[in-house]
């Protein structure tokens, strides 16, 4: 399994506040995240795919 990214890492990568990621998640607008226990984890491939899709939109 690939390494996953924490919400802090994704926020730093996209240069957005963590709160923005939480809002996007609740509105189903941001990159797909999965719960692992009580923590959110992101697949780097999902984050990259979401980012590329933003360019097309």
PDB file of N, CA and C in Angstrom:
ATOM      1  N   UNK A   1       0.839  -1.184   0.000  1.00  0.00           N
ATOM      2  CA  UNK A   1       0.000   0.000   0.000  1.00  0.00           C
ATOM      3  C   UNK A   1       0.883   1.245   0.000  1.00  0.00           C
ATOM      4  N   UNK A   2       0.475   2.222  -0.782  1.00  0.00           N
ATOM      5  CA  UNK A   2       1.194   3.496  -0.822  1.00  0.00           C
ATOM      6  C   UNK A   2       1.027   4.244   0.495  1.00  0.00           C
ATOM      7  N   UNK A   3       1.922   5.168   0.715  1.00  0.00           N
ATOM      8  CA  UNK A   3       1.794   6.030   1.881  1.00  0.00           C
ATOM      9  C   UNK A   3       0.626   6.990   1.660  1.00  0.00           C
ATOM     10  N   UNK A   4      -0.121   7.233   2.711  1.00  0.00           N
ATOM     11  CA  UNK A   4      -1.227   8.181   2.627  1.00  0.00           C
ATOM     12  C   UNK A   4      -0.790   9.522   3.205  1.00  0.00           C
ATOM     13  N   UNK A   5      -1.574  10.545   2.906  1.00  0.00           N
ATOM     14  CA  UNK A   5      -1.271  11.889   3.387  1.00  0.00           C
ATOM     15  C   UNK A   5      -2.266  12.281   4.474  1.00  0.00           C
ATOM     16  N   UNK A   6      -1.787  12.982   5.472  1.00  0.00           N
ATOM     17  CA  UNK A   6      -2.666  13.512   6.516  1.00  0.00           C
ATOM     18  C   UNK A   6      -3.300  14.798   6.016  1.00  0.00           C
ATOM     19  N   UNK A   7      -4.283  15.281   6.739  1.00  0.00           N
ATOM     20  CA  UNK A   7      -4.931  16.537   6.352  1.00  0.00           C
ATOM     21  C   UNK A   7      -3.942  17.698   6.427  1.00  0.00           C
ATOM     22  N   UNK A   8      -3.016  17.655   7.386  1.00  0.00           N
ATOM     23  CA  UNK A   8      -1.987  18.705   7.480  1.00  0.00           C
ATOM     24  C   UNK A   8      -1.098  18.709   6.240  1.00  0.00           C
ATOM     25  N   UNK A   9      -0.738  17.517   5.772  1.00  0.00           N
ATOM     26  CA  UNK A   9       0.130  17.414   4.602  1.00  0.00           C
ATOM     27  C   UNK A   9      -0.584  17.894   3.333  1.00  0.00           C
ATOM     28  N   UNK A  10      -1.856  17.540   3.199  1.00  0.00           N
ATOM     29  CA  UNK A  10      -2.616  17.974   2.020  1.00  0.00           C
ATOM     30  C   UNK A  10      -2.828  19.490   2.056  1.00  0.00           C
ATOM     31  N   UNK A  11      -3.118  20.019   3.228  1.00  0.00           N
ATOM     32  CA  UNK A  11      -3.283  21.472   3.355  1.00  0.00           C
ATOM     33  C   UNK A  11      -1.993  22.187   2.960  1.00  0.00           C
ATOM     34  N   UNK A  12      -0.853  21.678   3.392  1.00  0.00           N
ATOM     35  CA  UNK A  12       0.428  22.286   3.033  1.00  0.00           C
ATOM     36  C   UNK A  12       0.704  22.138   1.538  1.00  0.00           C
ATOM     37  N   UNK A  13       0.404  20.978   0.992  1.00  0.00           N
ATOM     38  CA  UNK A  13       0.633  20.724  -0.429  1.00  0.00           C
ATOM     39  C   UNK A  13      -0.198  21.661  -1.311  1.00  0.00           C
ATOM     40  N   UNK A  14      -1.469  21.832  -0.959  1.00  0.00           N
ATOM     41  CA  UNK A  14      -2.361  22.684  -1.749  1.00  0.00           C
ATOM     42  C   UNK A  14      -2.311  24.146  -1.318  1.00  0.00           C
ATOM     43  N   UNK A  15      -1.609  24.402  -0.224  1.00  0.00           N
ATOM     44  CA  UNK A  15      -1.496  25.757   0.345  1.00  0.00           C
ATOM     45  C   UNK A  15      -2.855  26.366   0.654  1.00  0.00           C
ATOM     46  N   UNK A  16      -3.671  25.560   1.346  1.00  0.00           N
ATOM     47  CA  UNK A  16      -4.972  26.029   1.833  1.00  0.00           C
ATOM     48  C   UNK A  16      -5.061  25.681   3.321  1.00  0.00           C
ATOM     49  N   UNK A  17      -5.884  26.421   4.071  1.00  0.00           N
ATOM     50  CA  UNK A  17      -6.069  26.088   5.487  1.00  0.00           C
ATOM     51  C   UNK A  17      -6.769  24.733   5.649  1.00  0.00           C
ATOM     52  N   UNK A  18      -6.510  24.088   6.780  1.00  0.00           N
ATOM     53  CA  UNK A  18      -7.184  22.816   7.060  1.00  0.00           C
ATOM     54  C   UNK A  18      -8.699  22.990   7.057  1.00  0.00           C
ATOM     55  N   UNK A  19      -9.170  24.126   7.545  1.00  0.00           N
ATOM     56  CA  UNK A  19     -10.607  24.392   7.566  1.00  0.00           C
ATOM     57  C   UNK A  19     -11.231  24.329   6.186  1.00  0.00           C
ATOM     58  N   UNK A  20     -10.485  24.773   5.187  1.00  0.00           N
ATOM     59  CA  UNK A  20     -10.971  24.708   3.807  1.00  0.00           C
ATOM     60  C   UNK A  20     -11.161  23.256   3.383  1.00  0.00           C
ATOM     61  N   UNK A  21     -10.212  22.409   3.733  1.00  0.00           N
ATOM     62  CA  UNK A  21     -10.354  20.985   3.390  1.00  0.00           C
ATOM     63  C   UNK A  21     -11.562  20.370   4.078  1.00  0.00           C
ATOM     64  N   UNK A  22     -11.795  20.735   5.340  1.00  0.00           N
ATOM     65  CA  UNK A  22     -12.975  20.225   6.044  1.00  0.00           C
ATOM     66  C   UNK A  22     -14.265  20.713   5.367  1.00  0.00           C
ATOM     67  N   UNK A  23     -14.303  21.976   4.954  1.00  0.00           N
ATOM     68  CA  UNK A  23     -15.483  22.504   4.256  1.00  0.00           C
ATOM     69  C   UNK A  23     -15.695  21.791   2.932  1.00  0.00           C
ATOM     70  N   UNK A  24     -14.614  21.634   2.160  1.00  0.00           N
ATOM     71  CA  UNK A  24     -14.727  20.931   0.887  1.00  0.00           C
ATOM     72  C   UNK A  24     -15.249  19.521   1.099  1.00  0.00           C
ATOM     73  N   UNK A  25     -14.750  18.852   2.132  1.00  0.00           N
ATOM     74  CA  UNK A  25     -15.189  17.486   2.401  1.00  0.00           C
ATOM     75  C   UNK A  25     -16.676  17.447   2.715  1.00  0.00           C
ATOM     76  N   UNK A  26     -17.153  18.382   3.529  1.00  0.00           N
ATOM     77  CA  UNK A  26     -18.571  18.385   3.884  1.00  0.00           C
ATOM     78  C   UNK A  26     -19.448  18.726   2.677  1.00  0.00           C
ATOM     79  N   UNK A  27     -18.910  19.496   1.733  1.00  0.00           N
ATOM     80  CA  UNK A  27     -19.651  19.867   0.523  1.00  0.00           C
ATOM     81  C   UNK A  27     -19.361  18.928  -0.656  1.00  0.00           C
ATOM     82  N   UNK A  28     -18.506  17.942  -0.400  1.00  0.00           N
ATOM     83  CA  UNK A  28     -18.097  16.967  -1.433  1.00  0.00           C
ATOM     84  C   UNK A  28     -17.472  17.641  -2.644  1.00  0.00           C
ATOM     85  N   UNK A  29     -16.598  18.621  -2.380  1.00  0.00           N
ATOM     86  CA  UNK A  29     -15.948  19.364  -3.458  1.00  0.00           C
ATOM     87  C   UNK A  29     -14.460  19.081  -3.552  1.00  0.00           C
ATOM     88  N   UNK A  30     -13.828  18.717  -2.486  1.00  0.00           N
ATOM     89  CA  UNK A  30     -12.376  18.565  -2.465  1.00  0.00           C
ATOM     90  C   UNK A  30     -11.922  17.170  -2.829  1.00  0.00           C
ATOM     91  N   UNK A  31     -10.632  16.926  -2.655  1.00  0.00           N
ATOM     92  CA  UNK A  31     -10.102  15.583  -2.929  1.00  0.00           C
ATOM     93  C   UNK A  31     -10.716  14.560  -1.977  1.00  0.00           C
ATOM     94  N   UNK A  32     -10.854  13.352  -2.476  1.00  0.00           N
ATOM     95  CA  UNK A  32     -11.469  12.285  -1.701  1.00  0.00           C
ATOM     96  C   UNK A  32     -10.589  11.912  -0.512  1.00  0.00           C
ATOM     97  N   UNK A  33     -11.211  11.846   0.664  1.00  0.00           N
ATOM     98  CA  UNK A  33     -10.514  11.452   1.886  1.00  0.00           C
ATOM     99  C   UNK A  33     -11.209  10.232   2.483  1.00  0.00           C
ATOM    100  N   UNK A  34     -10.459   9.471   3.227  1.00  0.00           N
ATOM    101  CA  UNK A  34     -11.009   8.290   3.900  1.00  0.00           C
ATOM    102  C   UNK A  34     -10.706   8.376   5.380  1.00  0.00           C
ATOM    103  N   UNK A  35     -11.617   7.854   6.179  1.00  0.00           N
ATOM    104  CA  UNK A  35     -11.405   7.814   7.621  1.00  0.00           C
ATOM    105  C   UNK A  35     -10.613   6.562   7.963  1.00  0.00           C
ATOM    106  N   UNK A  36      -9.577   6.742   8.746  1.00  0.00           N
ATOM    107  CA  UNK A  36      -8.814   5.629   9.313  1.00  0.00           C
ATOM    108  C   UNK A  36      -8.875   5.855  10.813  1.00  0.00           C
ATOM    109  N   UNK A  37      -9.730   5.085  11.460  1.00  0.00           N
ATOM    110  CA  UNK A  37     -10.009   5.374  12.857  1.00  0.00           C
ATOM    111  C   UNK A  37     -10.735   6.705  12.916  1.00  0.00           C
ATOM    112  N   UNK A  38     -10.173   7.658  13.629  1.00  0.00           N
ATOM    113  CA  UNK A  38     -10.784   8.986  13.687  1.00  0.00           C
ATOM    114  C   UNK A  38     -10.027  10.018  12.866  1.00  0.00           C
ATOM    115  N   UNK A  39      -9.079   9.553  12.064  1.00  0.00           N
ATOM    116  CA  UNK A  39      -8.234  10.444  11.274  1.00  0.00           C
ATOM    117  C   UNK A  39      -8.612  10.391   9.798  1.00  0.00           C
ATOM    118  N   UNK A  40      -8.474  11.539   9.121  1.00  0.00           N
ATOM    119  CA  UNK A  40      -8.671  11.581   7.672  1.00  0.00           C
ATOM    120  C   UNK A  40      -7.345  11.293   6.989  1.00  0.00           C
ATOM    121  N   UNK A  41      -7.399  10.472   5.958  1.00  0.00           N
ATOM    122  CA  UNK A  41      -6.211  10.166   5.166  1.00  0.00           C
ATOM    123  C   UNK A  41      -6.555  10.317   3.700  1.00  0.00           C
ATOM    124  N   UNK A  42      -5.590  10.808   2.953  1.00  0.00           N
ATOM    125  CA  UNK A  42      -5.753  11.065   1.521  1.00  0.00           C
ATOM    126  C   UNK A  42      -4.770  10.203   0.742  1.00  0.00           C
ATOM    127  N   UNK A  43      -5.247   9.632  -0.351  1.00  0.00           N
ATOM    128  CA  UNK A  43      -4.385   8.914  -1.278  1.00  0.00           C
ATOM    129  C   UNK A  43      -3.738   9.972  -2.174  1.00  0.00           C
ATOM    130  N   UNK A  44      -2.406   9.998  -2.263  1.00  0.00           N
ATOM    131  CA  UNK A  44      -1.747  11.009  -3.098  1.00  0.00           C
ATOM    132  C   UNK A  44      -2.257  11.024  -4.539  1.00  0.00           C
ATOM    133  N   UNK A  45      -2.589   9.861  -5.090  1.00  0.00           N
ATOM    134  CA  UNK A  45      -3.105   9.792  -6.464  1.00  0.00           C
ATOM    135  C   UNK A  45      -4.461  10.490  -6.569  1.00  0.00           C
ATOM    136  N   UNK A  46      -5.307  10.365  -5.539  1.00  0.00           N
ATOM    137  CA  UNK A  46      -6.604  11.047  -5.539  1.00  0.00           C
ATOM    138  C   UNK A  46      -6.432  12.554  -5.477  1.00  0.00           C
ATOM    139  N   UNK A  47      -5.475  13.011  -4.684  1.00  0.00           N
ATOM    140  CA  UNK A  47      -5.222  14.453  -4.564  1.00  0.00           C
ATOM    141  C   UNK A  47      -4.727  14.998  -5.898  1.00  0.00           C
ATOM    142  N   UNK A  48      -3.815  14.285  -6.537  1.00  0.00           N
ATOM    143  CA  UNK A  48      -3.289  14.725  -7.830  1.00  0.00           C
ATOM    144  C   UNK A  48      -4.379  14.734  -8.896  1.00  0.00           C
ATOM    145  N   UNK A  49      -5.215  13.699  -8.915  1.00  0.00           N
ATOM    146  CA  UNK A  49      -6.296  13.617  -9.900  1.00  0.00           C
ATOM    147  C   UNK A  49      -7.298  14.754  -9.683  1.00  0.00           C
ATOM    148  N   UNK A  50      -7.635  15.030  -8.435  1.00  0.00           N
ATOM    149  CA  UNK A  50      -8.553  16.128  -8.127  1.00  0.00           C
ATOM    150  C   UNK A  50      -7.949  17.455  -8.590  1.00  0.00           C
ATOM    151  N   UNK A  51      -6.665  17.646  -8.334  1.00  0.00           N
ATOM    152  CA  UNK A  51      -5.993  18.888  -8.721  1.00  0.00           C
ATOM    153  C   UNK A  51      -6.015  19.071 -10.235  1.00  0.00           C
ATOM    154  N   UNK A  52      -5.747  18.001 -10.981  1.00  0.00           N
ATOM    155  CA  UNK A  52      -5.782  18.070 -12.448  1.00  0.00           C
ATOM    156  C   UNK A  52      -7.185  18.391 -12.946  1.00  0.00           C
ATOM    157  N   UNK A  53      -8.209  17.813 -12.285  1.00  0.00           N
ATOM    158  CA  UNK A  53      -9.601  18.072 -12.673  1.00  0.00           C
ATOM    159  C   UNK A  53      -9.963  19.534 -12.465  1.00  0.00           C
ATOM    160  N   UNK A  54      -9.372  20.189 -11.484  1.00  0.00           N
ATOM    161  CA  UNK A  54      -9.670  21.603 -11.225  1.00  0.00           C
ATOM    162  C   UNK A  54      -9.179  22.462 -12.371  1.00  0.00           C
ATOM    163  N   UNK A  55      -8.086  22.048 -12.966  1.00  0.00           N
ATOM    164  CA  UNK A  55      -7.530  22.776 -14.091  1.00  0.00           C
ATOM    165  C   UNK A  55      -8.475  22.718 -15.294  1.00  0.00           C
ATOM    166  N   UNK A  56      -9.102  21.563 -15.493  1.00  0.00           N
ATOM    167  CA  UNK A  56      -9.989  21.363 -16.632  1.00  0.00           C
ATOM    168  C   UNK A  56     -11.308  22.111 -16.450  1.00  0.00           C
ATOM    169  N   UNK A  57     -11.703  22.317 -15.215  1.00  0.00           N
ATOM    170  CA  UNK A  57     -13.003  22.953 -14.939  1.00  0.00           C
ATOM    171  C   UNK A  57     -12.958  24.414 -15.029  1.00  0.00           C
TER     172      UNK A  57
END
